N, C-alpha and C. Protein backbone atom coordinates (compact mmCIF):
# COMPACT_ATOMS: atom_id res chain seq x y z
N UNK A 1 40.20 18.09 59.68
CA UNK A 1 40.16 17.14 60.28
C UNK A 1 40.37 16.43 61.02
N UNK A 2 41.03 15.78 61.84
CA UNK A 2 41.78 15.01 62.73
C UNK A 2 41.19 15.03 63.76
N UNK A 3 41.39 12.92 63.86
CA UNK A 3 41.10 12.35 65.47
C UNK A 3 41.80 12.13 66.08
N UNK A 4 41.52 11.62 68.09
CA UNK A 4 42.80 11.37 68.76
C UNK A 4 42.76 11.16 70.33
N UNK A 5 43.34 10.76 71.01
CA UNK A 5 43.19 10.59 71.94
C UNK A 5 43.82 12.42 73.40
N UNK A 6 42.90 12.39 74.38
CA UNK A 6 43.74 13.34 74.90
C UNK A 6 44.13 12.73 76.29
N UNK A 7 44.19 11.58 76.48
CA UNK A 7 43.82 10.85 77.61
C UNK A 7 44.76 10.03 77.13
N UNK A 8 46.57 9.75 77.86
CA UNK A 8 47.40 9.00 77.54
C UNK A 8 47.34 7.57 77.92
N UNK A 9 48.06 6.97 77.39
CA UNK A 9 47.86 5.73 77.77
C UNK A 9 48.86 5.33 79.01
N UNK A 10 48.04 4.06 79.25
CA UNK A 10 47.98 3.93 80.94
C UNK A 10 48.25 2.09 80.68
N UNK A 11 47.20 1.65 80.13
CA UNK A 11 47.33 -0.02 80.43
C UNK A 11 45.87 -0.51 79.35
N UNK A 12 46.72 -1.76 79.20
CA UNK A 12 45.74 -2.39 77.88
C UNK A 12 43.72 -2.40 78.26
N UNK A 13 43.52 -2.04 79.49
CA UNK A 13 41.97 -2.77 80.19
C UNK A 13 41.87 -1.18 80.26
N UNK A 14 42.32 0.65 80.06
CA UNK A 14 42.03 1.68 79.72
C UNK A 14 40.92 1.42 78.69
N UNK A 15 40.01 2.43 79.26
CA UNK A 15 39.68 2.92 78.07
C UNK A 15 39.28 4.36 77.80
N UNK A 16 39.80 4.21 76.76
CA UNK A 16 39.86 5.36 76.09
C UNK A 16 39.16 6.56 75.42
N UNK A 17 38.47 7.83 74.85
CA UNK A 17 37.73 8.07 73.82
C UNK A 17 38.17 8.88 73.04
N UNK A 18 38.07 9.09 71.51
CA UNK A 18 39.18 9.67 71.26
C UNK A 18 37.65 10.81 70.81
N UNK A 19 38.71 12.17 70.53
CA UNK A 19 38.00 13.35 70.22
C UNK A 19 38.23 13.72 68.82
N UNK A 20 36.76 14.74 68.57
CA UNK A 20 37.49 15.12 66.53
C UNK A 20 38.02 16.83 67.00
N UNK A 21 38.77 17.14 65.59
CA UNK A 21 39.47 18.55 66.02
C UNK A 21 39.02 18.82 64.29
N UNK A 22 38.28 19.81 64.75
CA UNK A 22 37.58 20.60 62.85
C UNK A 22 38.11 21.58 63.08
N UNK A 23 39.01 22.11 62.23
CA UNK A 23 40.32 23.71 62.22
C UNK A 23 38.71 24.06 60.36
N UNK A 24 38.56 25.23 60.69
CA UNK A 24 37.73 25.83 59.34
C UNK A 24 38.75 27.16 59.08
N UNK A 25 38.35 27.28 57.82
CA UNK A 25 39.05 28.37 56.98
C UNK A 25 38.93 29.73 57.44
N UNK A 26 38.56 30.42 58.83
CA UNK A 26 38.37 31.52 59.38
C UNK A 26 39.34 30.94 60.47
N UNK A 27 40.33 29.95 60.66
CA UNK A 27 41.09 29.76 62.60
C UNK A 27 39.80 29.37 62.84
N UNK A 28 38.86 29.23 63.08
CA UNK A 28 38.06 28.38 64.02
C UNK A 28 38.38 27.20 63.76
N UNK A 29 38.41 26.57 65.74
CA UNK A 29 38.99 25.09 65.74
C UNK A 29 37.96 24.98 67.01
N UNK A 30 37.01 24.08 66.00
CA UNK A 30 35.95 23.49 67.18
C UNK A 30 36.60 21.57 67.33
N UNK A 31 35.97 21.33 68.40
CA UNK A 31 36.42 20.10 69.46
C UNK A 31 34.91 19.39 69.69
N UNK A 32 35.05 18.15 69.00
CA UNK A 32 33.76 16.88 69.88
C UNK A 32 34.44 15.66 70.05
N UNK A 33 33.19 15.19 71.09
CA UNK A 33 33.45 14.08 71.61
C UNK A 33 33.60 13.12 70.71
N UNK A 34 33.31 11.78 71.59
CA UNK A 34 32.90 10.54 70.39
C UNK A 34 31.82 10.19 70.34
N UNK A 35 30.65 11.63 70.87
CA UNK A 35 29.39 11.03 70.24
C UNK A 35 29.15 12.08 69.53
N UNK A 36 29.69 12.99 69.17
CA UNK A 36 29.68 13.99 68.00
C UNK A 36 29.01 15.57 68.50
N UNK A 37 29.27 15.16 70.35
CA UNK A 37 28.80 16.59 70.88
C UNK A 37 29.83 17.91 70.66
N UNK A 38 29.39 18.92 70.65
CA UNK A 38 30.05 20.23 70.48
C UNK A 38 31.21 20.41 71.88
N UNK A 39 31.92 20.16 72.41
CA UNK A 39 32.56 20.53 73.82
C UNK A 39 33.44 21.84 73.99
N UNK A 40 33.58 22.11 72.01
CA UNK A 40 34.55 24.06 72.66
C UNK A 40 34.79 24.74 71.33
N UNK A 41 34.24 25.77 70.80
CA UNK A 41 35.27 26.44 69.53
C UNK A 41 35.51 27.75 69.98
N UNK A 42 36.73 27.88 69.41
CA UNK A 42 38.08 29.22 69.38
C UNK A 42 38.23 29.07 68.43
N UNK A 43 38.31 30.78 68.50
CA UNK A 43 38.92 31.34 67.03
C UNK A 43 40.08 31.74 67.64
N UNK A 44 41.13 31.19 66.58
CA UNK A 44 42.71 31.08 67.31
C UNK A 44 43.17 32.93 66.11
N UNK A 45 43.02 33.08 65.10
CA UNK A 45 43.20 34.10 64.98
C UNK A 45 42.15 35.55 64.36
N UNK A 46 42.23 36.29 65.35
CA UNK A 46 41.34 37.66 65.05
C UNK A 46 42.33 38.50 63.90
N UNK A 47 43.09 37.97 62.86
CA UNK A 47 43.23 39.33 62.33
C UNK A 47 42.12 38.90 60.70
N UNK A 48 41.52 37.86 60.64
CA UNK A 48 40.42 37.98 59.59
C UNK A 48 41.45 37.35 58.48
N UNK A 49 42.51 37.10 58.79
CA UNK A 49 42.93 36.07 57.24
C UNK A 49 43.06 34.78 57.28
N UNK A 50 42.34 34.43 55.94
CA UNK A 50 41.96 32.73 55.85
C UNK A 50 43.35 32.33 55.52
N UNK A 51 42.91 30.89 56.32
CA UNK A 51 44.03 29.84 55.47
C UNK A 51 44.04 29.71 54.34
N UNK A 52 45.20 30.04 53.49
CA UNK A 52 45.24 29.85 52.38
C UNK A 52 45.85 28.16 51.74
N UNK A 53 46.47 27.68 53.10
CA UNK A 53 46.85 26.67 52.43
C UNK A 53 47.35 25.44 53.33
N UNK A 54 47.83 24.55 53.42
CA UNK A 54 48.50 23.29 54.09
C UNK A 54 47.75 23.94 55.71
N UNK A 55 47.13 23.71 55.90
CA UNK A 55 46.23 23.33 57.54
C UNK A 55 46.64 21.65 57.92
N UNK A 56 47.28 22.15 59.26
CA UNK A 56 47.14 20.47 59.77
C UNK A 56 46.68 20.51 61.33
N UNK A 57 46.10 19.56 61.68
CA UNK A 57 46.50 19.06 62.48
C UNK A 57 46.70 17.78 63.40
N UNK A 58 46.70 18.26 65.00
CA UNK A 58 47.11 16.99 65.53
C UNK A 58 46.95 16.86 67.02
N UNK A 59 46.16 15.63 67.43
CA UNK A 59 45.26 15.92 68.87
C UNK A 59 46.23 14.88 69.44
N UNK A 60 47.06 15.43 70.58
CA UNK A 60 47.57 14.48 72.05
C UNK A 60 47.68 15.03 73.17
N UNK A 61 48.60 13.71 73.57
CA UNK A 61 48.22 13.76 75.10
C UNK A 61 49.04 14.12 75.87
N UNK A 62 50.00 15.03 75.25
CA UNK A 62 51.33 15.83 75.93
C UNK A 62 50.46 16.32 76.55
N UNK A 63 51.33 17.20 77.60
CA UNK A 63 50.67 18.23 78.97
C UNK A 63 52.30 19.30 78.45
N UNK A 64 51.06 20.52 78.08
CA UNK A 64 51.86 22.23 77.72
C UNK A 64 51.54 22.87 79.21
N UNK A 65 52.08 23.63 79.42
CA UNK A 65 52.16 24.50 80.88
C UNK A 65 51.12 23.59 81.82
N UNK A 66 49.99 24.60 81.68
CA UNK A 66 49.01 23.81 82.87
C UNK A 66 47.87 23.40 82.31
N UNK A 67 48.51 22.62 80.98
CA UNK A 67 46.69 21.82 81.06
C UNK A 67 47.00 20.29 80.43
N UNK A 68 46.80 19.73 81.75
CA UNK A 68 47.14 18.60 81.78
C UNK A 68 46.01 17.32 80.92
N UNK A 69 45.41 17.91 80.67
CA UNK A 69 44.27 17.27 80.18
C UNK A 69 44.54 16.94 78.35
N UNK A 70 45.88 17.02 77.95
CA UNK A 70 46.13 16.64 76.35
C UNK A 70 45.72 18.50 75.50
N UNK A 71 46.47 18.39 74.11
CA UNK A 71 46.40 19.55 73.92
C UNK A 71 46.25 19.56 72.33
N UNK A 72 45.58 20.23 71.59
CA UNK A 72 45.69 20.14 70.09
C UNK A 72 46.28 21.01 69.02
N UNK A 73 47.13 20.62 68.73
CA UNK A 73 48.19 21.69 67.88
C UNK A 73 47.67 21.84 66.52
N UNK A 74 47.90 22.77 66.38
CA UNK A 74 47.05 23.49 64.83
C UNK A 74 48.08 23.88 64.01
N UNK A 75 48.26 24.40 62.80
CA UNK A 75 49.38 24.92 61.84
C UNK A 75 48.13 25.06 60.57
N UNK A 76 48.50 26.57 59.78
CA UNK A 76 48.15 26.87 58.73
C UNK A 76 49.31 27.82 57.89
N UNK A 77 49.02 27.77 57.11
CA UNK A 77 49.86 28.99 56.19
C UNK A 77 48.57 29.95 55.54
N UNK A 78 49.01 31.26 55.70
CA UNK A 78 48.43 32.45 55.59
C UNK A 78 49.04 33.08 54.10
N UNK A 79 48.41 34.00 53.56
CA UNK A 79 49.30 34.33 52.59
C UNK A 79 49.69 36.54 53.25
N UNK A 80 50.28 36.71 52.51
CA UNK A 80 50.93 37.83 52.52
C UNK A 80 50.71 39.31 53.69
N UNK A 81 49.23 39.15 53.03
CA UNK A 81 48.42 40.10 53.42
C UNK A 81 48.39 40.96 55.06
N UNK A 82 49.05 40.75 55.95
CA UNK A 82 48.75 40.99 57.47
C UNK A 82 49.55 42.46 57.52
N UNK A 83 49.52 42.74 58.99
CA UNK A 83 50.22 43.67 59.60
C UNK A 83 50.86 42.93 60.50
N UNK A 84 52.58 43.63 60.06
CA UNK A 84 53.91 43.38 61.55
C UNK A 84 54.32 44.80 61.97
N UNK A 85 53.56 44.17 63.33
CA UNK A 85 53.50 45.41 64.51
C UNK A 85 54.39 45.87 65.29
N UNK A 86 56.04 45.11 64.72
CA UNK A 86 57.21 45.35 64.88
C UNK A 86 57.51 46.91 64.31
N UNK A 87 58.69 47.64 65.01
CA UNK A 87 59.25 48.75 65.25
C UNK A 87 60.23 48.69 65.85
N UNK A 88 61.21 49.54 65.27
CA UNK A 88 62.32 50.06 65.78
C UNK A 88 62.37 51.27 66.62
N UNK A 89 61.23 51.70 66.75
CA UNK A 89 61.04 53.66 66.92
C UNK A 89 61.79 53.94 68.06
N UNK A 90 62.35 52.72 69.29
CA UNK A 90 62.69 53.08 70.37
C UNK A 90 64.54 53.14 70.12
N UNK A 91 64.74 52.98 68.99
CA UNK A 91 66.21 52.77 68.60
C UNK A 91 66.78 54.36 67.76
N UNK A 92 67.93 54.88 68.27
CA UNK A 92 67.96 56.41 68.04
C UNK A 92 69.19 56.96 68.77
N UNK A 93 69.64 57.91 68.35
CA UNK A 93 70.42 58.48 69.55
C UNK A 93 71.46 59.06 68.59
N UNK A 94 72.96 58.78 68.34
CA UNK A 94 74.01 59.07 67.56
C UNK A 94 74.17 58.46 66.07
N UNK A 95 75.07 59.38 65.58
CA UNK A 95 75.23 58.83 63.88
C UNK A 95 75.34 57.25 64.12
N UNK A 96 76.09 56.71 64.77
CA UNK A 96 76.22 55.26 64.39
C UNK A 96 74.88 54.57 64.44
N UNK A 97 73.87 54.84 66.07
CA UNK A 97 72.61 53.92 65.95
C UNK A 97 71.87 54.44 65.09
N UNK A 98 72.00 56.07 64.30
CA UNK A 98 70.92 56.34 63.11
C UNK A 98 71.36 55.48 62.24
N UNK A 99 72.60 54.90 61.64
CA UNK A 99 73.16 54.45 60.63
C UNK A 99 72.67 52.77 60.86
N UNK A 100 73.09 52.78 62.25
CA UNK A 100 72.27 51.41 62.47
C UNK A 100 70.87 50.76 62.20
N UNK A 101 70.32 51.95 62.44
CA UNK A 101 68.73 51.95 62.10
C UNK A 101 68.33 52.09 61.03
N UNK A 102 68.53 52.68 60.05
CA UNK A 102 68.41 52.29 58.87
C UNK A 102 69.00 50.91 57.84
N UNK A 103 70.19 50.30 58.49
CA UNK A 103 70.44 49.26 58.24
C UNK A 103 70.23 48.32 58.58
N UNK A 104 69.12 48.46 60.11
CA UNK A 104 68.66 47.10 59.99
C UNK A 104 66.98 47.27 59.99
N UNK A 105 66.11 48.82 59.52
CA UNK A 105 65.35 48.36 58.65
C UNK A 105 65.62 48.48 57.35
N UNK A 106 66.35 48.48 56.82
CA UNK A 106 66.56 48.07 55.36
C UNK A 106 66.24 46.10 55.50
N UNK A 107 67.12 45.55 56.84
CA UNK A 107 67.01 44.42 56.39
C UNK A 107 65.99 43.83 56.86
N UNK A 108 65.40 44.41 57.77
CA UNK A 108 63.89 44.05 58.22
C UNK A 108 62.93 43.92 56.93
N UNK A 109 62.69 45.43 56.14
CA UNK A 109 61.76 44.99 54.82
C UNK A 109 62.68 43.75 54.62
N UNK A 110 63.35 43.52 53.67
CA UNK A 110 63.64 42.54 52.98
C UNK A 110 63.42 41.18 53.67
N UNK A 111 63.24 41.16 54.99
CA UNK A 111 62.90 40.02 55.45
C UNK A 111 61.36 40.14 55.20
N UNK A 112 60.27 41.39 55.05
CA UNK A 112 59.22 41.40 55.24
C UNK A 112 58.99 41.14 54.16
N UNK A 113 59.75 40.64 53.13
CA UNK A 113 59.10 40.61 51.23
C UNK A 113 59.38 39.36 51.52
N UNK A 114 60.17 38.72 52.30
CA UNK A 114 59.93 36.84 52.51
C UNK A 114 58.78 37.12 53.12
N UNK A 115 58.87 37.12 54.16
CA UNK A 115 57.17 36.91 55.07
C UNK A 115 56.04 37.10 54.13
N UNK A 116 56.29 37.98 53.44
CA UNK A 116 54.72 38.35 52.31
C UNK A 116 54.67 37.22 52.14
N UNK A 117 55.39 36.80 51.36
CA UNK A 117 54.87 35.65 50.14
C UNK A 117 54.42 34.39 51.11
N UNK A 118 54.11 34.15 52.31
CA UNK A 118 53.40 33.42 52.87
C UNK A 118 53.84 33.16 54.67
N UNK A 119 52.66 32.74 55.52
CA UNK A 119 53.78 32.85 57.07
C UNK A 119 53.08 31.54 57.69
N UNK A 120 53.70 30.46 57.72
CA UNK A 120 53.19 29.61 58.71
C UNK A 120 53.08 29.88 59.85
N UNK A 121 51.49 29.73 60.51
CA UNK A 121 51.00 30.13 61.72
C UNK A 121 51.06 28.46 62.68
N UNK A 122 51.37 28.67 63.66
CA UNK A 122 51.17 27.79 64.91
C UNK A 122 50.74 27.79 66.09
N UNK A 123 49.63 26.78 66.74
CA UNK A 123 48.79 26.91 67.59
C UNK A 123 49.12 25.78 68.64
N UNK A 124 48.80 26.05 69.72
CA UNK A 124 48.90 24.79 70.76
C UNK A 124 47.13 25.41 71.74
N UNK A 125 46.62 24.67 72.00
CA UNK A 125 44.99 25.14 72.27
C UNK A 125 45.39 23.53 73.23
N UNK A 126 44.20 23.64 75.12
CA UNK A 126 44.20 22.92 75.73
C UNK A 126 43.01 21.95 74.60
N UNK A 127 43.29 20.75 75.07
CA UNK A 127 42.34 19.86 74.57
C UNK A 127 40.87 19.68 75.02
N UNK A 128 41.20 20.41 76.36
CA UNK A 128 39.74 20.34 77.50
C UNK A 128 39.07 21.63 77.31
N UNK A 129 39.80 23.04 77.21
CA UNK A 129 38.58 23.93 77.56
C UNK A 129 38.96 24.95 76.01
N UNK A 130 39.80 24.23 75.29
CA UNK A 130 39.83 25.46 74.26
C UNK A 130 40.75 26.27 74.58
N UNK A 131 41.33 27.00 75.63
CA UNK A 131 42.09 27.67 75.59
C UNK A 131 43.40 27.54 75.10
N UNK A 132 43.77 29.00 74.52
CA UNK A 132 44.97 29.00 73.83
C UNK A 132 46.47 29.34 74.54
N UNK A 133 46.96 28.04 74.75
CA UNK A 133 48.51 27.78 75.54
C UNK A 133 49.63 28.91 74.73
N UNK A 134 49.48 28.59 73.16
CA UNK A 134 50.84 28.92 72.66
C UNK A 134 50.71 29.52 71.45
N UNK A 135 50.99 30.33 70.54
CA UNK A 135 50.81 30.66 69.27
C UNK A 135 52.21 30.85 68.84
N UNK A 136 52.25 31.26 67.11
CA UNK A 136 53.08 31.80 66.71
C UNK A 136 52.92 32.12 65.48
N UNK A 137 52.41 33.64 65.15
CA UNK A 137 51.73 34.33 64.27
C UNK A 137 52.93 35.43 63.49
N UNK A 138 53.02 35.70 62.43
CA UNK A 138 53.67 36.95 61.64
C UNK A 138 53.46 38.19 63.15
N UNK A 139 54.23 39.20 62.85
CA UNK A 139 54.39 39.90 63.44
C UNK A 139 54.57 39.78 65.33
N UNK A 140 54.73 38.28 65.67
CA UNK A 140 55.18 38.43 66.82
C UNK A 140 56.21 38.15 67.08
N UNK A 141 57.23 39.30 67.25
CA UNK A 141 58.74 39.73 67.21
C UNK A 141 58.32 40.64 68.42
N UNK A 142 60.13 40.55 68.93
CA UNK A 142 60.39 40.71 70.22
C UNK A 142 61.61 41.65 70.06
N UNK A 143 61.75 42.78 70.70
CA UNK A 143 63.66 43.45 70.54
C UNK A 143 63.97 42.60 71.95
N UNK A 144 64.85 42.04 71.60
CA UNK A 144 65.67 41.31 73.25
C UNK A 144 66.34 43.40 73.74
N UNK A 145 66.23 43.32 74.93
CA UNK A 145 66.66 44.16 76.15
C UNK A 145 68.49 44.72 75.40
N UNK A 146 69.01 43.88 74.83
CA UNK A 146 70.76 43.69 74.74
C UNK A 146 70.71 44.51 73.13
N UNK A 147 69.26 44.77 72.80
CA UNK A 147 69.46 45.01 70.80
C UNK A 147 70.13 46.45 71.46
N UNK A 148 69.85 47.38 71.80
CA UNK A 148 70.03 48.91 71.64
C UNK A 148 71.13 48.96 72.38
N UNK A 149 71.72 47.89 73.67
CA UNK A 149 72.91 48.29 74.20
C UNK A 149 74.33 47.90 72.93
N UNK A 150 73.57 46.81 71.66
CA UNK A 150 74.73 46.35 71.23
C UNK A 150 74.95 47.48 70.00
N UNK A 151 74.23 48.81 69.74
CA UNK A 151 74.37 49.30 68.68
C UNK A 151 75.59 50.26 69.04
N UNK A 152 76.11 50.31 69.92
CA UNK A 152 77.51 50.82 70.48
C UNK A 152 78.07 51.22 68.62
N UNK A 153 78.58 49.79 67.55
CA UNK A 153 79.01 50.50 66.62
C UNK A 153 78.37 50.05 65.82
N UNK A 154 78.73 50.18 64.50
CA UNK A 154 78.03 50.11 63.23
C UNK A 154 78.19 48.92 62.27
N UNK A 155 79.52 48.07 63.19
CA UNK A 155 79.74 46.89 63.02
C UNK A 155 79.19 45.62 63.02
N UNK A 156 79.30 44.97 62.16
CA UNK A 156 77.88 43.41 62.26
C UNK A 156 76.91 44.31 62.49
N UNK A 157 76.29 44.74 62.26
CA UNK A 157 74.64 45.51 62.56
C UNK A 157 73.82 44.04 62.14
N UNK A 158 74.40 43.40 60.86
CA UNK A 158 73.21 42.06 60.86
C UNK A 158 73.08 40.96 61.48
N UNK A 159 74.21 40.63 62.05
CA UNK A 159 74.55 39.57 62.74
C UNK A 159 73.91 40.19 63.80
N UNK A 160 73.55 41.55 65.06
CA UNK A 160 73.38 41.84 65.86
C UNK A 160 71.75 41.92 65.55
N UNK A 161 70.91 42.05 64.29
CA UNK A 161 69.72 41.98 64.12
C UNK A 161 68.98 41.21 64.26
N UNK A 162 69.49 39.83 63.03
CA UNK A 162 69.05 38.65 63.74
C UNK A 162 69.50 37.60 64.79
N UNK A 163 70.43 38.50 65.64
CA UNK A 163 70.72 37.89 67.08
C UNK A 163 69.58 38.65 67.77
N UNK A 164 68.82 39.97 68.06
CA UNK A 164 68.18 40.56 68.46
C UNK A 164 66.31 41.02 68.71
N UNK A 165 66.35 40.69 67.08
CA UNK A 165 65.32 40.56 66.53
C UNK A 165 64.14 39.50 65.73
N UNK A 166 63.59 38.86 66.87
CA UNK A 166 63.61 37.23 66.81
C UNK A 166 62.00 37.41 66.56
N UNK A 167 61.03 36.12 66.76
CA UNK A 167 59.73 35.46 67.04
C UNK A 167 60.38 35.11 68.34
N UNK A 168 59.05 36.09 69.54
CA UNK A 168 58.72 35.45 71.26
C UNK A 168 59.14 33.98 70.91
N UNK A 169 59.50 33.65 71.63
CA UNK A 169 60.48 32.28 72.44
C UNK A 169 61.00 31.56 70.86
N UNK A 170 61.29 32.50 70.23
CA UNK A 170 62.33 31.72 68.72
C UNK A 170 64.08 31.51 69.51
N UNK A 171 64.14 30.47 69.16
CA UNK A 171 65.54 30.36 69.18
C UNK A 171 66.39 29.93 67.92
N UNK A 172 67.65 29.88 67.79
CA UNK A 172 68.38 29.16 66.63
C UNK A 172 68.24 27.86 66.07
N UNK A 173 68.13 27.39 65.24
CA UNK A 173 67.88 25.84 65.21
C UNK A 173 69.18 25.25 65.23
N UNK A 174 70.71 26.56 64.82
CA UNK A 174 71.77 25.92 65.29
C UNK A 174 72.22 24.90 66.35
N UNK A 175 71.27 25.41 67.56
CA UNK A 175 71.16 24.86 69.24
C UNK A 175 70.82 23.15 68.86
N UNK A 176 70.03 23.20 68.10
CA UNK A 176 69.39 21.45 68.07
C UNK A 176 69.43 20.98 66.83
N UNK A 177 71.03 21.05 65.79
CA UNK A 177 71.47 20.82 64.88
C UNK A 177 71.72 19.37 64.84
N UNK A 178 72.24 18.74 65.71
CA UNK A 178 72.11 17.48 65.90
C UNK A 178 70.79 16.49 66.20
N UNK A 179 70.08 17.27 66.83
CA UNK A 179 69.02 16.38 66.86
C UNK A 179 67.70 16.43 65.38
N UNK A 180 68.46 17.47 64.91
CA UNK A 180 67.48 18.06 63.73
C UNK A 180 68.05 16.82 62.75
N UNK A 181 69.34 16.68 62.89
CA UNK A 181 69.76 15.95 61.96
C UNK A 181 69.64 14.27 61.78
N UNK A 182 68.57 13.78 62.95
CA UNK A 182 68.42 12.68 62.68
C UNK A 182 66.80 12.05 62.75
N UNK A 183 66.50 13.13 62.45
CA UNK A 183 64.76 12.96 62.08
C UNK A 183 65.48 13.26 59.78
N UNK A 184 66.03 13.64 59.52
CA UNK A 184 66.46 13.95 59.10
C UNK A 184 66.59 12.69 57.70
N UNK A 185 66.28 12.22 55.92
CA UNK A 185 65.56 13.64 55.45
C UNK A 185 64.04 13.68 55.97
N UNK A 186 63.73 14.91 54.84
CA UNK A 186 62.13 15.11 55.39
C UNK A 186 62.12 15.30 53.94
N UNK A 187 61.39 14.40 53.68
CA UNK A 187 59.93 14.12 52.14
C UNK A 187 59.07 15.47 51.89
N UNK A 188 58.68 16.77 51.24
CA UNK A 188 57.64 17.20 50.88
C UNK A 188 57.84 17.81 49.57
N UNK A 189 56.60 17.42 48.88
CA UNK A 189 56.48 17.64 47.14
C UNK A 189 55.63 18.39 47.19
N UNK A 190 53.96 18.59 47.65
CA UNK A 190 53.44 19.96 47.81
C UNK A 190 52.40 19.99 49.37
N UNK A 191 51.50 20.88 49.46
CA UNK A 191 50.94 21.16 50.52
C UNK A 191 50.23 20.18 51.01
N UNK A 192 50.13 19.01 50.53
CA UNK A 192 48.70 17.93 50.70
C UNK A 192 50.34 17.05 51.74
N UNK A 193 51.39 17.04 51.61
CA UNK A 193 52.36 16.53 52.25
C UNK A 193 52.47 17.43 53.65
N UNK A 194 52.12 18.31 54.25
CA UNK A 194 52.35 19.13 55.17
C UNK A 194 51.78 18.28 56.41
N UNK A 195 52.35 17.81 57.45
CA UNK A 195 51.74 16.82 58.50
C UNK A 195 52.34 17.86 59.95
N UNK A 196 52.20 17.61 61.03
CA UNK A 196 52.55 17.83 62.29
C UNK A 196 52.61 16.70 62.93
N UNK A 197 54.37 16.02 63.47
CA UNK A 197 53.99 15.20 64.17
C UNK A 197 55.02 15.46 65.63
N UNK A 198 54.82 14.98 66.57
CA UNK A 198 56.06 15.07 67.78
C UNK A 198 57.17 14.42 67.80
N UNK A 199 58.26 15.28 68.30
CA UNK A 199 59.57 14.64 68.25
C UNK A 199 60.25 15.41 69.22
N UNK A 200 61.02 15.07 69.69
CA UNK A 200 62.04 15.49 71.01
C UNK A 200 62.96 16.03 70.25
N UNK A 201 63.31 17.18 70.91
CA UNK A 201 64.72 17.87 70.31
C UNK A 201 65.29 18.76 71.90
N UNK A 202 66.97 17.91 71.74
CA UNK A 202 67.74 18.64 72.86
C UNK A 202 68.48 19.34 72.38
N UNK A 203 68.79 20.16 72.84
CA UNK A 203 70.23 21.41 72.63
C UNK A 203 71.36 20.12 72.13
N UNK A 204 72.44 21.15 71.51
CA UNK A 204 73.90 20.30 71.63
C UNK A 204 74.36 20.31 73.09
N UNK A 205 75.08 19.68 72.93
CA UNK A 205 76.24 19.94 74.79
C UNK A 205 77.46 20.66 73.55
N UNK A 206 77.08 21.85 74.97
CA UNK A 206 78.79 22.49 74.37
C UNK A 206 79.51 21.30 74.64
N UNK A 207 80.75 21.94 74.01
CA UNK A 207 82.27 21.15 73.85
C UNK A 207 82.95 22.25 74.32
N UNK A 208 84.07 22.34 75.26
CA UNK A 208 84.94 23.53 76.01
C UNK A 208 86.15 22.92 76.09
N UNK A 209 87.51 23.15 75.99
CA UNK A 209 88.40 22.33 76.81
C UNK A 209 89.09 23.06 78.38
N UNK A 210 88.07 24.53 78.36
CA UNK A 210 88.54 25.02 79.34
C UNK A 210 87.62 24.89 80.87
N UNK A 211 88.94 24.16 81.85
CA UNK A 211 87.98 23.87 82.77
C UNK A 211 87.27 24.40 83.48
N UNK A 212 86.26 23.65 84.02
CA UNK A 212 85.08 24.85 84.55
C UNK A 212 84.15 25.57 84.21
N UNK A 213 84.39 25.85 82.38
CA UNK A 213 83.42 26.52 81.89
C UNK A 213 81.84 25.63 82.05
N UNK A 214 81.40 24.30 82.03
CA UNK A 214 80.44 23.73 81.92
C UNK A 214 79.97 24.72 83.67
N UNK A 215 80.35 24.10 84.76
CA UNK A 215 79.90 24.51 85.70
C UNK A 215 79.46 26.17 86.00
N UNK A 216 80.39 27.17 85.20
CA UNK A 216 79.64 28.28 84.97
C UNK A 216 78.39 28.37 83.91
N UNK A 217 78.28 27.31 83.08
CA UNK A 217 77.12 27.85 82.28
C UNK A 217 76.15 27.35 83.47
N UNK A 218 76.39 26.33 83.90
CA UNK A 218 75.08 26.04 84.32
C UNK A 218 74.95 26.31 85.41
N UNK A 219 74.96 27.38 85.82
CA UNK A 219 74.95 28.34 86.90
C UNK A 219 74.39 29.75 86.10
N UNK A 220 74.73 29.98 84.98
CA UNK A 220 73.68 30.99 84.11
C UNK A 220 74.62 31.74 83.73
N UNK A 221 76.05 31.78 84.07
CA UNK A 221 76.99 32.73 83.17
C UNK A 221 77.45 32.53 81.95
N UNK A 222 77.73 34.05 81.22
CA UNK A 222 77.92 33.85 80.20
C UNK A 222 79.55 34.14 79.57
N UNK A 223 79.84 34.08 78.40
CA UNK A 223 81.57 34.05 78.21
C UNK A 223 81.20 34.74 76.78
N UNK A 224 82.23 35.82 76.70
CA UNK A 224 81.92 36.29 75.53
C UNK A 224 83.51 36.13 74.92
């Protein structure tokens, strides 16, 4: 349970009233106004997997997508008994591709063994209506369209696997390494130390001595 403001701060004479967010073990999130009247209740995870540990909530006045009325951020760890819907059935063809597929599937199994130890799910919910704006769950993988194209060679299949088989909306932390280092070190001892905080992360600037490269990058062109 946590409290916070959904309206952004504007002036000292502004009257803001806090809301109360309550997260239950079955992933039901309920929001109450300052009079303890239920505003809405939302089931975030339909897989019937209870939260095992490290649940955390954050009420914020930030805007995400089309939700100007603030958001509630939710996080929690679940145990590894869940379904992973990802598959590579459409990967096939010649012998190189078949070998690539076997290697990728083996890599995927190793990855799933690690995830079976537990996965931290996160959600962003509209503070006004309870509408789900964003989520990160186990199994939310997407295969990049370029994945099949990249199977022409068996070389570096692990690099291709990690590059093109990611969670939806996931990018490598290396793109934000400078911003991440600014908030380190991070101290974490046990489950009770888990909490959600807001921070601004900007992508690292690309360095190049080649003239005109920055202009091409800004226009969406890629270099190999």
